[in-house]
């Protein structure tokens, strides 16, 4: 598995810790930036990771901003992206089991380092349950297709 990771200035420290964790888990990671605590615009980095996942270039992504809200909004604009903001373990697990989330979003100013690492471990190790949930995801894909067809 390869994971794309990106953040804004509020997520730099946490991103570096997650990259180290992914390396320890033998998961390849591609860093899309930023690497500075100087103020940047989160959409620039959310777009890079989300495009990589949406296009199929990368299987999964992790995005981090101050609250995670902005990155979630950006990521979910991309077809086929199912980004889930997870600030605790239950939503991390359920986002994979039921929603087959392909981008994990974290709030760098919300979640502590140790909890964030546990969220990432849970998220990367939880498989999609399939069955009735697959039907629901197909309905979401049909909505995306209809919107695209109508110019949205």
Protein backbone atom coordinates (compact mmCIF):
# COMPACT_ATOMS: atom_id res chain seq x y z
CA UNK A 1 0.00 0.00 0.00
CA UNK A 2 1.15 3.52 -0.77
CA UNK A 3 -0.25 6.50 1.09
CA UNK A 4 -0.08 10.11 -0.08
CA UNK A 5 0.20 12.57 2.79
CA UNK A 6 -0.16 16.33 2.90
CA UNK A 7 -0.78 19.10 5.37
CA UNK A 8 -0.83 22.80 5.92
CA UNK A 9 1.33 24.67 8.42
CA UNK A 10 -0.82 23.47 11.35
CA UNK A 11 -0.10 19.84 10.54
CA UNK A 12 3.63 19.77 9.82
CA UNK A 13 4.75 18.31 13.13
CA UNK A 14 2.04 15.66 13.20
CA UNK A 15 2.66 14.79 9.55
CA UNK A 16 6.34 14.04 10.28
CA UNK A 17 5.34 11.76 13.14
CA UNK A 18 2.81 9.94 10.98
CA UNK A 19 5.36 9.48 8.20
CA UNK A 20 7.71 7.86 10.73
CA UNK A 21 4.86 5.62 11.93
CA UNK A 22 3.98 4.57 8.39
CA UNK A 23 7.63 3.73 7.76
CA UNK A 24 7.64 1.57 10.92
CA UNK A 25 4.51 -0.17 9.58
CA UNK A 26 6.30 -0.81 6.26
CA UNK A 27 3.86 1.40 4.38
CA UNK A 28 5.25 3.52 1.57
CA UNK A 29 4.46 7.20 1.93
CA UNK A 30 4.65 10.01 -0.60
CA UNK A 31 4.86 13.45 1.00
CA UNK A 32 3.02 16.21 -0.85
CA UNK A 33 4.04 18.94 1.60
CA UNK A 34 4.10 21.41 3.23
CA UNK A 35 7.28 21.15 5.24
CA UNK A 36 7.15 24.55 6.87
CA UNK A 37 5.25 26.11 9.75
CA UNK A 38 4.96 29.30 7.69
CA UNK A 39 1.33 30.00 6.87
CA UNK A 40 0.10 28.32 3.66
CA UNK A 41 -3.30 27.69 2.12
CA UNK A 42 -4.59 24.20 2.93
CA UNK A 43 -6.46 23.78 -0.40
CA UNK A 44 -3.13 23.72 -2.25
CA UNK A 45 -1.98 20.61 -0.39
CA UNK A 46 -5.40 19.00 -0.06
CA UNK A 47 -5.78 19.22 -3.82
CA UNK A 48 -2.48 17.43 -4.51
CA UNK A 49 -3.27 14.46 -2.29
CA UNK A 50 -6.93 14.27 -3.34
CA UNK A 51 -6.08 14.37 -7.04
CA UNK A 52 -3.59 11.53 -6.58
CA UNK A 53 -6.24 9.39 -4.88
CA UNK A 54 -9.07 10.41 -7.22
CA UNK A 55 -7.01 9.57 -10.30
CA UNK A 56 -6.02 6.18 -8.92
CA UNK A 57 -2.34 7.08 -8.89
CA UNK A 58 -2.28 6.47 -5.13
CA UNK A 59 -4.58 4.10 -3.22
CA UNK A 60 -5.05 6.12 -0.02
CA UNK A 61 -4.23 9.49 1.49
CA UNK A 62 -3.88 11.30 4.78
CA UNK A 63 -4.51 15.03 5.13
CA UNK A 64 -3.89 17.24 8.16
CA UNK A 65 -4.87 20.83 8.86
CA UNK A 66 -5.73 22.68 12.06
CA UNK A 67 -9.20 21.21 12.56
CA UNK A 68 -9.38 18.83 9.61
CA UNK A 69 -12.54 20.53 8.39
CA UNK A 70 -10.97 22.49 5.53
CA UNK A 71 -9.05 19.50 4.20
CA UNK A 72 -12.22 17.38 4.39
CA UNK A 73 -14.12 19.90 2.31
CA UNK A 74 -11.37 20.05 -0.31
CA UNK A 75 -10.89 16.30 -0.53
CA UNK A 76 -14.56 15.46 -0.92
CA UNK A 77 -14.81 17.69 -4.01
CA UNK A 78 -12.88 15.03 -5.97
CA UNK A 79 -14.71 12.19 -7.72
CA UNK A 80 -14.23 8.87 -6.02
CA UNK A 81 -12.72 10.38 -2.90
CA UNK A 82 -14.31 9.39 0.37
CA UNK A 83 -12.49 11.52 2.92
CA UNK A 84 -13.35 11.06 6.56
CA UNK A 85 -12.43 13.40 9.39
CA UNK A 86 -11.52 11.17 12.33
CA UNK A 87 -10.58 12.56 15.70
CA UNK A 88 -11.08 9.33 17.63
CA UNK A 89 -10.79 5.58 17.06
CA UNK A 90 -14.42 4.64 16.48
CA UNK A 91 -14.89 6.89 13.44
CA UNK A 92 -11.51 5.76 12.07
CA UNK A 93 -12.65 2.15 12.20
CA UNK A 94 -16.15 2.80 10.89
CA UNK A 95 -14.92 5.05 8.07
CA UNK A 96 -13.08 2.03 6.69
CA UNK A 97 -15.57 -0.72 7.58
CA UNK A 98 -18.70 0.99 6.27
CA UNK A 99 -17.52 3.80 3.99
CA UNK A 100 -14.29 2.44 2.50
CA UNK A 101 -12.78 5.87 3.19
CA UNK A 102 -9.72 6.39 1.04
CA UNK A 103 -8.52 9.60 2.66
CA UNK A 104 -8.10 10.01 6.40
CA UNK A 105 -8.29 13.60 7.64
CA UNK A 106 -6.93 14.67 11.01
CA UNK A 107 -7.15 17.90 12.96
CA UNK A 108 -3.57 18.73 13.91
CA UNK A 109 -4.74 21.16 16.59
CA UNK A 110 -7.46 18.79 17.80
CA UNK A 111 -5.87 15.36 18.13
CA UNK A 112 -2.83 14.65 20.25
CA UNK A 113 0.18 12.86 18.77
CA UNK A 114 -0.39 9.50 20.48
CA UNK A 115 -4.08 9.36 19.64
CA UNK A 116 -3.36 10.40 16.05
CA UNK A 117 -0.94 7.49 15.70
CA UNK A 118 -3.56 5.07 17.03
CA UNK A 119 -6.12 6.52 14.62
CA UNK A 120 -3.74 5.98 11.71
CA UNK A 121 -2.96 2.41 12.80
CA UNK A 122 -6.67 1.64 13.09
CA UNK A 123 -7.48 3.26 9.77
CA UNK A 124 -4.77 1.51 7.75
CA UNK A 125 -5.46 -1.90 9.30
CA UNK A 126 -9.26 -1.92 9.02
CA UNK A 127 -10.63 -3.52 5.84
CA UNK A 128 -13.79 -2.51 4.02
CA UNK A 129 -16.65 -4.75 5.13
CA UNK A 130 -18.35 -4.72 1.73
CA UNK A 131 -21.81 -6.30 1.43
CA UNK A 132 -24.61 -3.79 2.02
CA UNK A 133 -22.08 -0.98 2.28
CA UNK A 134 -20.85 -1.56 -1.27
CA UNK A 135 -24.37 -0.90 -2.55
CA UNK A 136 -24.41 2.42 -0.71
CA UNK A 137 -21.05 3.46 -2.12
CA UNK A 138 -22.30 2.59 -5.60
CA UNK A 139 -25.21 4.97 -5.00
CA UNK A 140 -22.74 7.71 -4.10
CA UNK A 141 -20.84 7.01 -7.33
CA UNK A 142 -24.09 7.29 -9.29
CA UNK A 143 -24.76 10.67 -7.66
CA UNK A 144 -21.27 11.82 -8.69
CA UNK A 145 -21.91 10.62 -12.26
CA UNK A 146 -25.27 12.42 -12.47
CA UNK A 147 -23.81 15.65 -11.13
CA UNK A 148 -20.93 15.50 -13.58
CA UNK A 149 -23.34 14.83 -16.44
CA UNK A 150 -25.31 17.95 -15.48
CA UNK A 151 -22.23 20.12 -15.27
CA UNK A 152 -21.80 20.25 -11.52
